[in-house]
C-alpha atoms as a PDB file:
ATOM      1  CA  UNK A   1      72.997  60.976 122.878  1.00  0.00           C
ATOM      2  CA  UNK A   2      70.411  58.781 124.605  1.00  0.00           C
ATOM      3  CA  UNK A   3      67.391  57.366 122.769  1.00  0.00           C
ATOM      4  CA  UNK A   4      65.197  59.630 124.895  1.00  0.00           C
ATOM      5  CA  UNK A   5      67.109  62.816 124.101  1.00  0.00           C
ATOM      6  CA  UNK A   6      67.309  61.978 120.405  1.00  0.00           C
ATOM      7  CA  UNK A   7      63.572  61.344 120.081  1.00  0.00           C
ATOM      8  CA  UNK A   8      62.555  64.416 122.076  1.00  0.00           C
ATOM      9  CA  UNK A   9      64.971  66.792 120.367  1.00  0.00           C
ATOM     10  CA  UNK A  10      63.994  65.478 116.940  1.00  0.00           C
ATOM     11  CA  UNK A  11      60.287  66.053 117.594  1.00  0.00           C
ATOM     12  CA  UNK A  12      61.074  69.510 118.990  1.00  0.00           C
ATOM     13  CA  UNK A  13      62.973  70.287 115.774  1.00  0.00           C
ATOM     14  CA  UNK A  14      66.197  70.805 117.704  1.00  0.00           C
ATOM     15  CA  UNK A  15      69.695  69.762 116.663  1.00  0.00           C
ATOM     16  CA  UNK A  16      70.542  66.088 117.182  1.00  0.00           C
ATOM     17  CA  UNK A  17      73.308  63.699 116.207  1.00  0.00           C
ATOM     18  CA  UNK A  18      70.879  61.918 113.837  1.00  0.00           C
ATOM     19  CA  UNK A  19      67.250  60.850 113.499  1.00  0.00           C
ATOM     20  CA  UNK A  20      65.827  57.874 115.453  1.00  0.00           C
ATOM     21  CA  UNK A  21      65.531  54.558 113.623  1.00  0.00           C
ATOM     22  CA  UNK A  22      62.719  52.071 114.133  1.00  0.00           C
ATOM     23  CA  UNK A  23      60.663  54.402 116.314  1.00  0.00           C
ATOM     24  CA  UNK A  24      56.938  54.750 115.652  1.00  0.00           C
ATOM     25  CA  UNK A  25      53.948  53.212 113.930  1.00  0.00           C
ATOM     26  CA  UNK A  26      55.610  52.961 110.519  1.00  0.00           C
ATOM     27  CA  UNK A  27      57.987  50.134 111.381  1.00  0.00           C
ATOM     28  CA  UNK A  28      55.513  47.451 112.417  1.00  0.00           C
ATOM     29  CA  UNK A  29      53.678  44.932 110.215  1.00  0.00           C
ATOM     30  CA  UNK A  30      50.153  43.631 110.253  1.00  0.00           C
ATOM     31  CA  UNK A  31      49.964  40.028 111.477  1.00  0.00           C
ATOM     32  CA  UNK A  32      49.499  38.711 107.940  1.00  0.00           C
ATOM     33  CA  UNK A  33      52.586  40.659 106.852  1.00  0.00           C
ATOM     34  CA  UNK A  34      54.641  39.169 109.654  1.00  0.00           C
ATOM     35  CA  UNK A  35      53.602  35.678 108.625  1.00  0.00           C
ATOM     36  CA  UNK A  36      54.682  36.390 105.049  1.00  0.00           C
ATOM     37  CA  UNK A  37      58.073  37.671 106.243  1.00  0.00           C
ATOM     38  CA  UNK A  38      58.654  34.583 108.381  1.00  0.00           C
ATOM     39  CA  UNK A  39      57.925  32.340 105.416  1.00  0.00           C
ATOM     40  CA  UNK A  40      60.013  34.330 102.927  1.00  0.00           C
ATOM     41  CA  UNK A  41      62.959  34.848 105.282  1.00  0.00           C
ATOM     42  CA  UNK A  42      62.937  31.257 106.502  1.00  0.00           C
ATOM     43  CA  UNK A  43      63.223  32.570 110.065  1.00  0.00           C
ATOM     44  CA  UNK A  44      60.337  31.028 112.030  1.00  0.00           C
ATOM     45  CA  UNK A  45      61.077  33.000 115.206  1.00  0.00           C
ATOM     46  CA  UNK A  46      61.770  36.246 113.317  1.00  0.00           C
ATOM     47  CA  UNK A  47      62.005  39.268 115.632  1.00  0.00           C
ATOM     48  CA  UNK A  48      62.248  42.373 113.441  1.00  0.00           C
ATOM     49  CA  UNK A  49      63.070  44.593 116.443  1.00  0.00           C
ATOM     50  CA  UNK A  50      66.279  42.633 117.015  1.00  0.00           C
ATOM     51  CA  UNK A  51      66.953  41.730 113.379  1.00  0.00           C
ATOM     52  CA  UNK A  52      67.118  45.341 112.199  1.00  0.00           C
ATOM     53  CA  UNK A  53      68.204  46.938 115.463  1.00  0.00           C
ATOM     54  CA  UNK A  54      65.151  49.121 116.026  1.00  0.00           C
ATOM     55  CA  UNK A  55      65.756  51.732 118.703  1.00  0.00           C
ATOM     56  CA  UNK A  56      63.460  51.960 121.729  1.00  0.00           C
ATOM     57  CA  UNK A  57      60.384  54.124 121.378  1.00  0.00           C
ATOM     58  CA  UNK A  58      58.686  55.854 124.306  1.00  0.00           C
ATOM     59  CA  UNK A  59      57.715  53.621 127.234  1.00  0.00           C
ATOM     60  CA  UNK A  60      53.936  53.765 127.746  1.00  0.00           C
ATOM     61  CA  UNK A  61      52.664  54.175 131.289  1.00  0.00           C
ATOM     62  CA  UNK A  62      50.098  51.440 132.030  1.00  0.00           C
ATOM     63  CA  UNK A  63      46.801  53.304 132.439  1.00  0.00           C
ATOM     64  CA  UNK A  64      43.238  52.073 132.215  1.00  0.00           C
ATOM     65  CA  UNK A  65      41.802  55.036 130.287  1.00  0.00           C
ATOM     66  CA  UNK A  66      38.503  53.476 129.256  1.00  0.00           C
ATOM     67  CA  UNK A  67      35.370  52.111 130.879  1.00  0.00           C
ATOM     68  CA  UNK A  68      35.968  50.677 134.344  1.00  0.00           C
ATOM     69  CA  UNK A  69      34.566  48.163 134.842  1.00  0.00           C
ATOM     70  CA  UNK A  70      35.055  47.227 131.225  1.00  0.00           C
ATOM     71  CA  UNK A  71      32.331  45.429 129.349  1.00  0.00           C
ATOM     72  CA  UNK A  72      32.628  41.669 129.232  1.00  0.00           C
ATOM     73  CA  UNK A  73      34.443  40.537 126.089  1.00  0.00           C
ATOM     74  CA  UNK A  74      31.807  38.283 124.610  1.00  0.00           C
ATOM     75  CA  UNK A  75      31.367  36.316 121.386  1.00  0.00           C
ATOM     76  CA  UNK A  76      27.796  36.651 120.128  1.00  0.00           C
ATOM     77  CA  UNK A  77      27.988  34.690 116.892  1.00  0.00           C
ATOM     78  CA  UNK A  78      30.682  32.938 114.872  1.00  0.00           C
ATOM     79  CA  UNK A  79      31.218  30.750 111.836  1.00  0.00           C
ATOM     80  CA  UNK A  80      34.194  29.529 109.825  1.00  0.00           C
ATOM     81  CA  UNK A  81      34.951  32.991 108.467  1.00  0.00           C
ATOM     82  CA  UNK A  82      33.605  35.621 110.884  1.00  0.00           C
ATOM     83  CA  UNK A  83      33.238  36.403 114.572  1.00  0.00           C
ATOM     84  CA  UNK A  84      30.732  38.901 115.995  1.00  0.00           C
ATOM     85  CA  UNK A  85      31.723  40.044 119.458  1.00  0.00           C
ATOM     86  CA  UNK A  86      31.483  42.816 122.055  1.00  0.00           C
ATOM     87  CA  UNK A  87      34.754  44.379 123.207  1.00  0.00           C
ATOM     88  CA  UNK A  88      35.668  45.987 126.522  1.00  0.00           C
ATOM     89  CA  UNK A  89      34.386  49.382 125.346  1.00  0.00           C
ATOM     90  CA  UNK A  90      30.931  47.969 124.679  1.00  0.00           C
ATOM     91  CA  UNK A  91      31.273  48.062 120.887  1.00  0.00           C
ATOM     92  CA  UNK A  92      29.767  45.231 118.871  1.00  0.00           C
ATOM     93  CA  UNK A  93      31.793  44.412 115.780  1.00  0.00           C
ATOM     94  CA  UNK A  94      32.168  41.776 113.093  1.00  0.00           C
ATOM     95  CA  UNK A  95      35.713  40.599 112.350  1.00  0.00           C
ATOM     96  CA  UNK A  96      37.221  38.111 109.975  1.00  0.00           C
ATOM     97  CA  UNK A  97      38.368  35.133 111.980  1.00  0.00           C
ATOM     98  CA  UNK A  98      41.878  35.397 110.521  1.00  0.00           C
ATOM     99  CA  UNK A  99      42.148  39.038 111.577  1.00  0.00           C
ATOM    100  CA  UNK A 100      43.118  40.309 108.122  1.00  0.00           C
ATOM    101  CA  UNK A 101      40.631  43.162 107.769  1.00  0.00           C
ATOM    102  CA  UNK A 102      39.223  46.182 109.546  1.00  0.00           C
ATOM    103  CA  UNK A 103      36.165  45.340 111.657  1.00  0.00           C
ATOM    104  CA  UNK A 104      32.600  46.072 110.606  1.00  0.00           C
ATOM    105  CA  UNK A 105      31.061  48.237 113.318  1.00  0.00           C
ATOM    106  CA  UNK A 106      27.611  46.920 114.200  1.00  0.00           C
ATOM    107  CA  UNK A 107      26.543  48.675 117.390  1.00  0.00           C
ATOM    108  CA  UNK A 108      27.867  51.249 119.863  1.00  0.00           C
ATOM    109  CA  UNK A 109      27.130  51.589 123.586  1.00  0.00           C
ATOM    110  CA  UNK A 110      25.720  55.136 123.576  1.00  0.00           C
ATOM    111  CA  UNK A 111      22.462  55.683 121.718  1.00  0.00           C
ATOM    112  CA  UNK A 112      20.623  58.103 124.013  1.00  0.00           C
ATOM    113  CA  UNK A 113      21.421  60.684 126.659  1.00  0.00           C
ATOM    114  CA  UNK A 114      20.258  58.210 129.296  1.00  0.00           C
ATOM    115  CA  UNK A 115      22.733  55.621 127.977  1.00  0.00           C
ATOM    116  CA  UNK A 116      25.509  58.169 128.351  1.00  0.00           C
ATOM    117  CA  UNK A 117      24.550  59.210 131.873  1.00  0.00           C
ATOM    118  CA  UNK A 118      24.537  55.577 132.999  1.00  0.00           C
ATOM    119  CA  UNK A 119      27.823  54.853 131.193  1.00  0.00           C
ATOM    120  CA  UNK A 120      29.497  57.891 132.750  1.00  0.00           C
ATOM    121  CA  UNK A 121      28.259  57.152 136.256  1.00  0.00           C
ATOM    122  CA  UNK A 122      29.061  53.451 136.188  1.00  0.00           C
ATOM    123  CA  UNK A 123      32.235  53.268 134.080  1.00  0.00           C
ATOM    124  CA  UNK A 124      34.064  56.616 133.937  1.00  0.00           C
ATOM    125  CA  UNK A 125      34.786  57.371 137.573  1.00  0.00           C
ATOM    126  CA  UNK A 126      38.375  58.247 138.475  1.00  0.00           C
ATOM    127  CA  UNK A 127      39.286  55.232 140.671  1.00  0.00           C
ATOM    128  CA  UNK A 128      43.031  55.988 140.480  1.00  0.00           C
ATOM    129  CA  UNK A 129      44.114  52.964 142.528  1.00  0.00           C
ATOM    130  CA  UNK A 130      42.512  50.667 139.957  1.00  0.00           C
ATOM    131  CA  UNK A 131      43.321  52.624 136.819  1.00  0.00           C
ATOM    132  CA  UNK A 132      46.950  53.124 137.835  1.00  0.00           C
ATOM    133  CA  UNK A 133      47.559  49.837 139.613  1.00  0.00           C
ATOM    134  CA  UNK A 134      50.880  49.306 137.802  1.00  0.00           C
ATOM    135  CA  UNK A 135      52.229  52.840 138.266  1.00  0.00           C
ATOM    136  CA  UNK A 136      54.647  52.204 141.115  1.00  0.00           C
ATOM    137  CA  UNK A 137      56.238  49.280 139.321  1.00  0.00           C
ATOM    138  CA  UNK A 138      56.474  51.321 136.109  1.00  0.00           C
ATOM    139  CA  UNK A 139      58.005  54.283 137.967  1.00  0.00           C
ATOM    140  CA  UNK A 140      60.698  52.029 139.404  1.00  0.00           C
ATOM    141  CA  UNK A 141      61.496  50.643 135.947  1.00  0.00           C
ATOM    142  CA  UNK A 142      61.559  54.127 134.395  1.00  0.00           C
ATOM    143  CA  UNK A 143      63.953  55.333 137.099  1.00  0.00           C
ATOM    144  CA  UNK A 144      66.400  52.634 136.044  1.00  0.00           C
ATOM    145  CA  UNK A 145      65.926  53.135 132.297  1.00  0.00           C
ATOM    146  CA  UNK A 146      66.439  56.874 131.930  1.00  0.00           C
ATOM    147  CA  UNK A 147      67.656  56.568 128.328  1.00  0.00           C
ATOM    148  CA  UNK A 148      64.088  55.901 127.090  1.00  0.00           C
ATOM    149  CA  UNK A 149      61.280  58.473 127.124  1.00  0.00           C
ATOM    150  CA  UNK A 150      57.907  58.089 128.842  1.00  0.00           C
ATOM    151  CA  UNK A 151      54.530  58.432 127.115  1.00  0.00           C
ATOM    152  CA  UNK A 152      50.939  58.687 128.296  1.00  0.00           C
ATOM    153  CA  UNK A 153      47.979  58.243 125.963  1.00  0.00           C
ATOM    154  CA  UNK A 154      47.633  55.724 123.144  1.00  0.00           C
ATOM    155  CA  UNK A 155      45.217  54.057 120.737  1.00  0.00           C
ATOM    156  CA  UNK A 156      42.178  54.072 121.001  1.00  0.00           C
ATOM    157  CA  UNK A 157      41.824  57.168 123.199  1.00  0.00           C
ATOM    158  CA  UNK A 158      41.217  60.614 121.707  1.00  0.00           C
ATOM    159  CA  UNK A 159      38.869  63.561 122.105  1.00  0.00           C
ATOM    160  CA  UNK A 160      37.039  62.931 118.820  1.00  0.00           C
ATOM    161  CA  UNK A 161      38.158  59.311 118.478  1.00  0.00           C
ATOM    162  CA  UNK A 162      36.684  58.091 121.753  1.00  0.00           C
ATOM    163  CA  UNK A 163      33.410  59.991 121.313  1.00  0.00           C
ATOM    164  CA  UNK A 164      33.098  58.546 117.800  1.00  0.00           C
ATOM    165  CA  UNK A 165      33.683  55.009 119.096  1.00  0.00           C
ATOM    166  CA  UNK A 166      31.059  55.410 121.824  1.00  0.00           C
ATOM    167  CA  UNK A 167      28.402  56.804 119.475  1.00  0.00           C
ATOM    168  CA  UNK A 168      29.304  55.492 116.023  1.00  0.00           C
ATOM    169  CA  UNK A 169      30.674  57.463 113.061  1.00  0.00           C
ATOM    170  CA  UNK A 170      27.381  58.473 111.450  1.00  0.00           C
ATOM    171  CA  UNK A 171      25.739  59.136 114.801  1.00  0.00           C
ATOM    172  CA  UNK A 172      28.439  61.523 116.000  1.00  0.00           C
ATOM    173  CA  UNK A 173      28.517  63.461 112.735  1.00  0.00           C
ATOM    174  CA  UNK A 174      24.766  63.969 112.838  1.00  0.00           C
ATOM    175  CA  UNK A 175      24.938  64.479 116.600  1.00  0.00           C
ATOM    176  CA  UNK A 176      27.043  67.636 116.308  1.00  0.00           C
ATOM    177  CA  UNK A 177      23.774  69.192 115.117  1.00  0.00           C
ATOM    178  CA  UNK A 178      21.130  67.145 116.952  1.00  0.00           C
ATOM    179  CA  UNK A 179      22.775  66.525 120.354  1.00  0.00           C
ATOM    180  CA  UNK A 180      25.742  68.897 120.718  1.00  0.00           C
ATOM    181  CA  UNK A 181      25.535  69.045 124.524  1.00  0.00           C
ATOM    182  CA  UNK A 182      25.871  65.269 124.768  1.00  0.00           C
ATOM    183  CA  UNK A 183      28.965  65.259 122.552  1.00  0.00           C
ATOM    184  CA  UNK A 184      30.517  68.083 124.568  1.00  0.00           C
ATOM    185  CA  UNK A 185      29.904  66.172 127.781  1.00  0.00           C
ATOM    186  CA  UNK A 186      31.517  63.003 126.386  1.00  0.00           C
ATOM    187  CA  UNK A 187      34.605  64.925 125.268  1.00  0.00           C
ATOM    188  CA  UNK A 188      34.844  66.895 128.516  1.00  0.00           C
ATOM    189  CA  UNK A 189      34.290  63.891 130.770  1.00  0.00           C
ATOM    190  CA  UNK A 190      36.893  61.742 129.051  1.00  0.00           C
ATOM    191  CA  UNK A 191      39.501  64.520 128.895  1.00  0.00           C
ATOM    192  CA  UNK A 192      38.989  65.445 132.541  1.00  0.00           C
ATOM    193  CA  UNK A 193      39.409  61.797 133.517  1.00  0.00           C
ATOM    194  CA  UNK A 194      42.632  61.431 131.528  1.00  0.00           C
ATOM    195  CA  UNK A 195      44.174  64.681 132.793  1.00  0.00           C
ATOM    196  CA  UNK A 196      43.352  63.725 136.384  1.00  0.00           C
ATOM    197  CA  UNK A 197      45.185  60.439 135.838  1.00  0.00           C
ATOM    198  CA  UNK A 198      48.113  62.222 134.187  1.00  0.00           C
ATOM    199  CA  UNK A 199      48.362  64.496 137.228  1.00  0.00           C
ATOM    200  CA  UNK A 200      48.892  61.487 139.472  1.00  0.00           C
ATOM    201  CA  UNK A 201      51.416  59.971 137.081  1.00  0.00           C
ATOM    202  CA  UNK A 202      53.391  63.216 136.920  1.00  0.00           C
ATOM    203  CA  UNK A 203      53.894  63.047 140.684  1.00  0.00           C
ATOM    204  CA  UNK A 204      55.974  59.885 140.222  1.00  0.00           C
ATOM    205  CA  UNK A 205      57.319  59.913 136.646  1.00  0.00           C
ATOM    206  CA  UNK A 206      58.587  62.599 134.274  1.00  0.00           C
ATOM    207  CA  UNK A 207      56.265  62.434 131.271  1.00  0.00           C
ATOM    208  CA  UNK A 208      57.950  63.182 127.939  1.00  0.00           C
ATOM    209  CA  UNK A 209      55.049  62.761 125.508  1.00  0.00           C
ATOM    210  CA  UNK A 210      51.263  62.938 125.596  1.00  0.00           C
ATOM    211  CA  UNK A 211      49.752  61.095 122.647  1.00  0.00           C
ATOM    212  CA  UNK A 212      46.219  61.655 121.351  1.00  0.00           C
ATOM    213  CA  UNK A 213      44.639  59.209 118.900  1.00  0.00           C
ATOM    214  CA  UNK A 214      41.944  60.692 116.662  1.00  0.00           C
ATOM    215  CA  UNK A 215      41.771  59.103 113.164  1.00  0.00           C
ATOM    216  CA  UNK A 216      39.310  61.805 112.151  1.00  0.00           C
ATOM    217  CA  UNK A 217      40.121  62.371 108.485  1.00  0.00           C
ATOM    218  CA  UNK A 218      39.572  60.743 105.125  1.00  0.00           C
ATOM    219  CA  UNK A 219      41.027  61.429 101.701  1.00  0.00           C
ATOM    220  CA  UNK A 220      38.987  64.638 101.448  1.00  0.00           C
ATOM    221  CA  UNK A 221      40.173  65.898 104.828  1.00  0.00           C
ATOM    222  CA  UNK A 222      38.697  66.249 108.299  1.00  0.00           C
ATOM    223  CA  UNK A 223      35.329  64.624 108.999  1.00  0.00           C
ATOM    224  CA  UNK A 224      34.226  67.845 110.705  1.00  0.00           C
ATOM    225  CA  UNK A 225      34.845  71.509 109.939  1.00  0.00           C
ATOM    226  CA  UNK A 226      37.586  73.506 111.640  1.00  0.00           C
ATOM    227  CA  UNK A 227      34.847  75.603 113.246  1.00  0.00           C
ATOM    228  CA  UNK A 228      33.567  72.420 114.908  1.00  0.00           C
ATOM    229  CA  UNK A 229      37.094  71.333 115.823  1.00  0.00           C
ATOM    230  CA  UNK A 230      37.656  74.674 117.534  1.00  0.00           C
ATOM    231  CA  UNK A 231      34.261  74.688 119.231  1.00  0.00           C
ATOM    232  CA  UNK A 232      34.031  71.093 120.474  1.00  0.00           C
ATOM    233  CA  UNK A 233      37.563  69.706 120.640  1.00  0.00           C
ATOM    234  CA  UNK A 234      40.054  72.490 121.233  1.00  0.00           C
ATOM    235  CA  UNK A 235      38.845  73.441 124.731  1.00  0.00           C
ATOM    236  CA  UNK A 236      39.823  69.880 125.694  1.00  0.00           C
ATOM    237  CA  UNK A 237      43.173  70.161 123.910  1.00  0.00           C
ATOM    238  CA  UNK A 238      43.769  73.366 125.860  1.00  0.00           C
ATOM    239  CA  UNK A 239      43.353  71.401 129.108  1.00  0.00           C
ATOM    240  CA  UNK A 240      45.923  68.874 127.932  1.00  0.00           C
ATOM    241  CA  UNK A 241      48.324  71.622 126.821  1.00  0.00           C
ATOM    242  CA  UNK A 242      47.931  73.383 130.168  1.00  0.00           C
ATOM    243  CA  UNK A 243      48.785  70.164 131.994  1.00  0.00           C
ATOM    244  CA  UNK A 244      51.839  69.750 129.748  1.00  0.00           C
ATOM    245  CA  UNK A 245      53.068  73.274 130.511  1.00  0.00           C
ATOM    246  CA  UNK A 246      52.634  72.855 134.261  1.00  0.00           C
ATOM    247  CA  UNK A 247      54.474  69.527 134.260  1.00  0.00           C
ATOM    248  CA  UNK A 248      57.236  70.264 131.734  1.00  0.00           C
ATOM    249  CA  UNK A 249      55.973  67.717 129.189  1.00  0.00           C
ATOM    250  CA  UNK A 250      57.775  68.634 125.948  1.00  0.00           C
ATOM    251  CA  UNK A 251      55.763  66.694 123.330  1.00  0.00           C
ATOM    252  CA  UNK A 252      52.035  66.534 122.560  1.00  0.00           C
ATOM    253  CA  UNK A 253      51.431  64.370 119.505  1.00  0.00           C
ATOM    254  CA  UNK A 254      48.361  63.473 117.465  1.00  0.00           C
ATOM    255  CA  UNK A 255      47.731  60.447 115.239  1.00  0.00           C
ATOM    256  CA  UNK A 256      45.184  60.813 112.456  1.00  0.00           C
ATOM    257  CA  UNK A 257      44.959  59.003 109.162  1.00  0.00           C
ATOM    258  CA  UNK A 258      43.682  60.809 106.087  1.00  0.00           C
ATOM    259  CA  UNK A 259      44.439  64.307 104.811  1.00  0.00           C
ATOM    260  CA  UNK A 260      45.394  66.505 107.773  1.00  0.00           C
ATOM    261  CA  UNK A 261      46.217  69.782 106.039  1.00  0.00           C
ATOM    262  CA  UNK A 262      43.586  71.708 108.018  1.00  0.00           C
ATOM    263  CA  UNK A 263      43.926  69.809 111.276  1.00  0.00           C
ATOM    264  CA  UNK A 264      47.659  70.380 111.681  1.00  0.00           C
ATOM    265  CA  UNK A 265      47.640  74.216 111.842  1.00  0.00           C
ATOM    266  CA  UNK A 266      44.426  74.260 113.883  1.00  0.00           C
ATOM    267  CA  UNK A 267      45.809  71.872 116.482  1.00  0.00           C
ATOM    268  CA  UNK A 268      49.228  73.545 116.562  1.00  0.00           C
ATOM    269  CA  UNK A 269      47.512  76.685 117.826  1.00  0.00           C
ATOM    270  CA  UNK A 270      46.420  74.637 120.845  1.00  0.00           C
ATOM    271  CA  UNK A 271      49.717  73.061 121.844  1.00  0.00           C
ATOM    272  CA  UNK A 272      50.188  70.145 119.448  1.00  0.00           C
ATOM    273  CA  UNK A 273      53.814  70.012 118.299  1.00  0.00           C
ATOM    274  CA  UNK A 274      54.120  66.538 116.702  1.00  0.00           C
ATOM    275  CA  UNK A 275      51.970  64.656 114.196  1.00  0.00           C
ATOM    276  CA  UNK A 276      51.763  61.300 112.442  1.00  0.00           C
ATOM    277  CA  UNK A 277      51.544  59.317 110.164  1.00  0.00           C
ATOM    278  CA  UNK A 278      50.965  61.604 107.108  1.00  0.00           C
ATOM    279  CA  UNK A 279      49.235  59.112 104.852  1.00  0.00           C
ATOM    280  CA  UNK A 280      50.558  59.596 101.315  1.00  0.00           C
ATOM    281  CA  UNK A 281      47.566  58.171  99.407  1.00  0.00           C
ATOM    282  CA  UNK A 282      45.370  60.725 101.184  1.00  0.00           C
ATOM    283  CA  UNK A 283      47.428  63.550  99.707  1.00  0.00           C
ATOM    284  CA  UNK A 284      49.918  64.359 102.469  1.00  0.00           C
ATOM    285  CA  UNK A 285      53.470  65.313 101.484  1.00  0.00           C
ATOM    286  CA  UNK A 286      55.918  65.589 104.394  1.00  0.00           C
ATOM    287  CA  UNK A 287      58.186  67.845 102.349  1.00  0.00           C
ATOM    288  CA  UNK A 288      55.381  70.380 102.120  1.00  0.00           C
ATOM    289  CA  UNK A 289      54.591  70.104 105.840  1.00  0.00           C
ATOM    290  CA  UNK A 290      58.285  70.400 106.732  1.00  0.00           C
ATOM    291  CA  UNK A 291      58.615  73.695 104.860  1.00  0.00           C
ATOM    292  CA  UNK A 292      55.267  75.083 105.969  1.00  0.00           C
ATOM    293  CA  UNK A 293      55.537  74.229 109.675  1.00  0.00           C
ATOM    294  CA  UNK A 294      59.206  74.443 110.721  1.00  0.00           C
ATOM    295  CA  UNK A 295      58.438  73.802 114.416  1.00  0.00           C
ATOM    296  CA  UNK A 296      56.285  70.696 113.879  1.00  0.00           C
ATOM    297  CA  UNK A 297      57.729  67.282 114.726  1.00  0.00           C
ATOM    298  CA  UNK A 298      56.932  64.980 111.801  1.00  0.00           C
ATOM    299  CA  UNK A 299      56.702  61.183 112.073  1.00  0.00           C
ATOM    300  CA  UNK A 300      55.984  58.973 109.045  1.00  0.00           C
ATOM    301  CA  UNK A 301      55.161  60.079 105.512  1.00  0.00           C
ATOM    302  CA  UNK A 302      56.833  57.253 103.570  1.00  0.00           C
ATOM    303  CA  UNK A 303      54.385  55.648 101.136  1.00  0.00           C
ATOM    304  CA  UNK A 304      53.798  52.116 102.442  1.00  0.00           C
ATOM    305  CA  UNK A 305      52.451  51.094  99.039  1.00  0.00           C
ATOM    306  CA  UNK A 306      55.704  52.136  97.330  1.00  0.00           C
ATOM    307  CA  UNK A 307      57.468  49.611  99.554  1.00  0.00           C
ATOM    308  CA  UNK A 308      55.473  46.877  97.784  1.00  0.00           C
ATOM    309  CA  UNK A 309      56.671  47.880  94.319  1.00  0.00           C
ATOM    310  CA  UNK A 310      60.187  48.021  92.871  1.00  0.00           C
ATOM    311  CA  UNK A 311      63.467  49.050  94.454  1.00  0.00           C
ATOM    312  CA  UNK A 312      63.385  52.166  92.266  1.00  0.00           C
ATOM    313  CA  UNK A 313      60.065  53.114  93.886  1.00  0.00           C
ATOM    314  CA  UNK A 314      61.603  52.549  97.317  1.00  0.00           C
ATOM    315  CA  UNK A 315      64.619  54.643  96.329  1.00  0.00           C
ATOM    316  CA  UNK A 316      62.324  57.533  95.358  1.00  0.00           C
ATOM    317  CA  UNK A 317      60.778  57.436  98.829  1.00  0.00           C
ATOM    318  CA  UNK A 318      64.215  57.268 100.432  1.00  0.00           C
ATOM    319  CA  UNK A 319      65.351  60.287  98.392  1.00  0.00           C
ATOM    320  CA  UNK A 320      62.431  62.175  99.909  1.00  0.00           C
ATOM    321  CA  UNK A 321      63.563  61.020 103.353  1.00  0.00           C
ATOM    322  CA  UNK A 322      67.035  62.436 102.740  1.00  0.00           C
ATOM    323  CA  UNK A 323      65.610  65.818 101.741  1.00  0.00           C
ATOM    324  CA  UNK A 324      63.376  66.046 104.810  1.00  0.00           C
ATOM    325  CA  UNK A 325      66.072  64.776 107.175  1.00  0.00           C
ATOM    326  CA  UNK A 326      68.348  67.578 105.973  1.00  0.00           C
ATOM    327  CA  UNK A 327      65.830  70.078 107.390  1.00  0.00           C
ATOM    328  CA  UNK A 328      65.453  68.307 110.754  1.00  0.00           C
ATOM    329  CA  UNK A 329      62.497  67.565 112.992  1.00  0.00           C
ATOM    330  CA  UNK A 330      61.738  64.291 111.249  1.00  0.00           C
ATOM    331  CA  UNK A 331      61.383  60.656 112.326  1.00  0.00           C
ATOM    332  CA  UNK A 332      61.244  58.683 109.054  1.00  0.00           C
ATOM    333  CA  UNK A 333      58.785  55.826 108.847  1.00  0.00           C
ATOM    334  CA  UNK A 334      55.995  54.413 106.735  1.00  0.00           C
ATOM    335  CA  UNK A 335      52.633  56.169 106.723  1.00  0.00           C
ATOM    336  CA  UNK A 336      50.946  53.322 108.620  1.00  0.00           C
ATOM    337  CA  UNK A 337      51.455  49.704 109.623  1.00  0.00           C
ATOM    338  CA  UNK A 338      53.141  47.677 106.885  1.00  0.00           C
ATOM    339  CA  UNK A 339      50.617  45.781 104.696  1.00  0.00           C
ATOM    340  CA  UNK A 340      51.046  42.185 103.509  1.00  0.00           C
ATOM    341  CA  UNK A 341      51.803  43.185  99.914  1.00  0.00           C
ATOM    342  CA  UNK A 342      55.316  44.237 101.081  1.00  0.00           C
ATOM    343  CA  UNK A 343      57.778  41.404 100.534  1.00  0.00           C
ATOM    344  CA  UNK A 344      60.528  40.471 102.975  1.00  0.00           C
ATOM    345  CA  UNK A 345      63.128  41.290 100.324  1.00  0.00           C
ATOM    346  CA  UNK A 346      61.711  44.797  99.868  1.00  0.00           C
ATOM    347  CA  UNK A 347      61.371  45.432 103.590  1.00  0.00           C
ATOM    348  CA  UNK A 348      64.922  44.301 104.230  1.00  0.00           C
ATOM    349  CA  UNK A 349      66.248  46.522 101.431  1.00  0.00           C
ATOM    350  CA  UNK A 350      64.247  49.484 102.705  1.00  0.00           C
ATOM    351  CA  UNK A 351      65.425  49.107 106.313  1.00  0.00           C
ATOM    352  CA  UNK A 352      69.058  48.642 105.380  1.00  0.00           C
ATOM    353  CA  UNK A 353      69.019  51.669 103.079  1.00  0.00           C
ATOM    354  CA  UNK A 354      67.172  53.771 105.640  1.00  0.00           C
ATOM    355  CA  UNK A 355      69.751  52.903 108.296  1.00  0.00           C
ATOM    356  CA  UNK A 356      72.502  53.946 105.911  1.00  0.00           C
ATOM    357  CA  UNK A 357      70.809  57.277 105.172  1.00  0.00           C
ATOM    358  CA  UNK A 358      70.150  58.009 108.850  1.00  0.00           C
ATOM    359  CA  UNK A 359      73.695  57.001 109.791  1.00  0.00           C
ATOM    360  CA  UNK A 360      72.872  54.337 112.341  1.00  0.00           C
END
């Protein structure tokens, strides 16, 4: 079975020879983690993809899905510890110089309706020749590498996620009440742009997965009610699902941290059939989701923090993996990028045991 067939059939909850190994978010470390592993392993040029034999994930089509022209990446202020800069989306943020923390969001490009109208007119036009400048080269490569699936969509582009990044978290949550038409227009404009680009890609490449990045939940669940999700977001998901049906795209996946117990069934009604990463500390249990939603492709759900504790803790997570794997439709992996509290010894033990359980 090819890597492509195995990944697709697993996420469609169909019979396969075994689950994929090394595929997805939950196999990659933060930069600080990687540095720790190099030091502890004594391998300066450590390549974990090769070391553990990770299998290929989906190939991502090169698409410029954001503002075009992008904002100038610009450093505004810096000192020994921090850098304040503007990124290509127009977001001003404060980062630790060593890159070991989440950024502090300082300012966002859309503050008024006039800001949005100018942003949309100047930066969100289709311009397919520019946005898809690498498509022909990618299509040629994909034609030669048919054993690996093809994906469109990636971080940081999502219906809620992008609107939140343009406006700011507090501003969008208040804005659902104070400026609903503006939020609808942002979501509609971005989705229409992406689907128009996908249409052009589908003329040259068979798309296997559409991925939507949202990160719209915390430990208490979704940042907005399911009534708001249905009202504002799901019409855009319906456009994506319609494109998928017309172009025989088998997988539509969503990435959201936090508790997703309400989001999963709501989004499944609108074409979503795969989800990740099922953050354990937020209250997600992939065994529960597996039993409750037998047609949902599940990716993740292993407690990354357990990997930092003892081998007995790791074994408990691996026992869970075995139980979920027995029911199918599951790509095992950690519930996010691997943090620097996970030792090389623990990670090596975990990967070797996981390979044994999967049967790689």
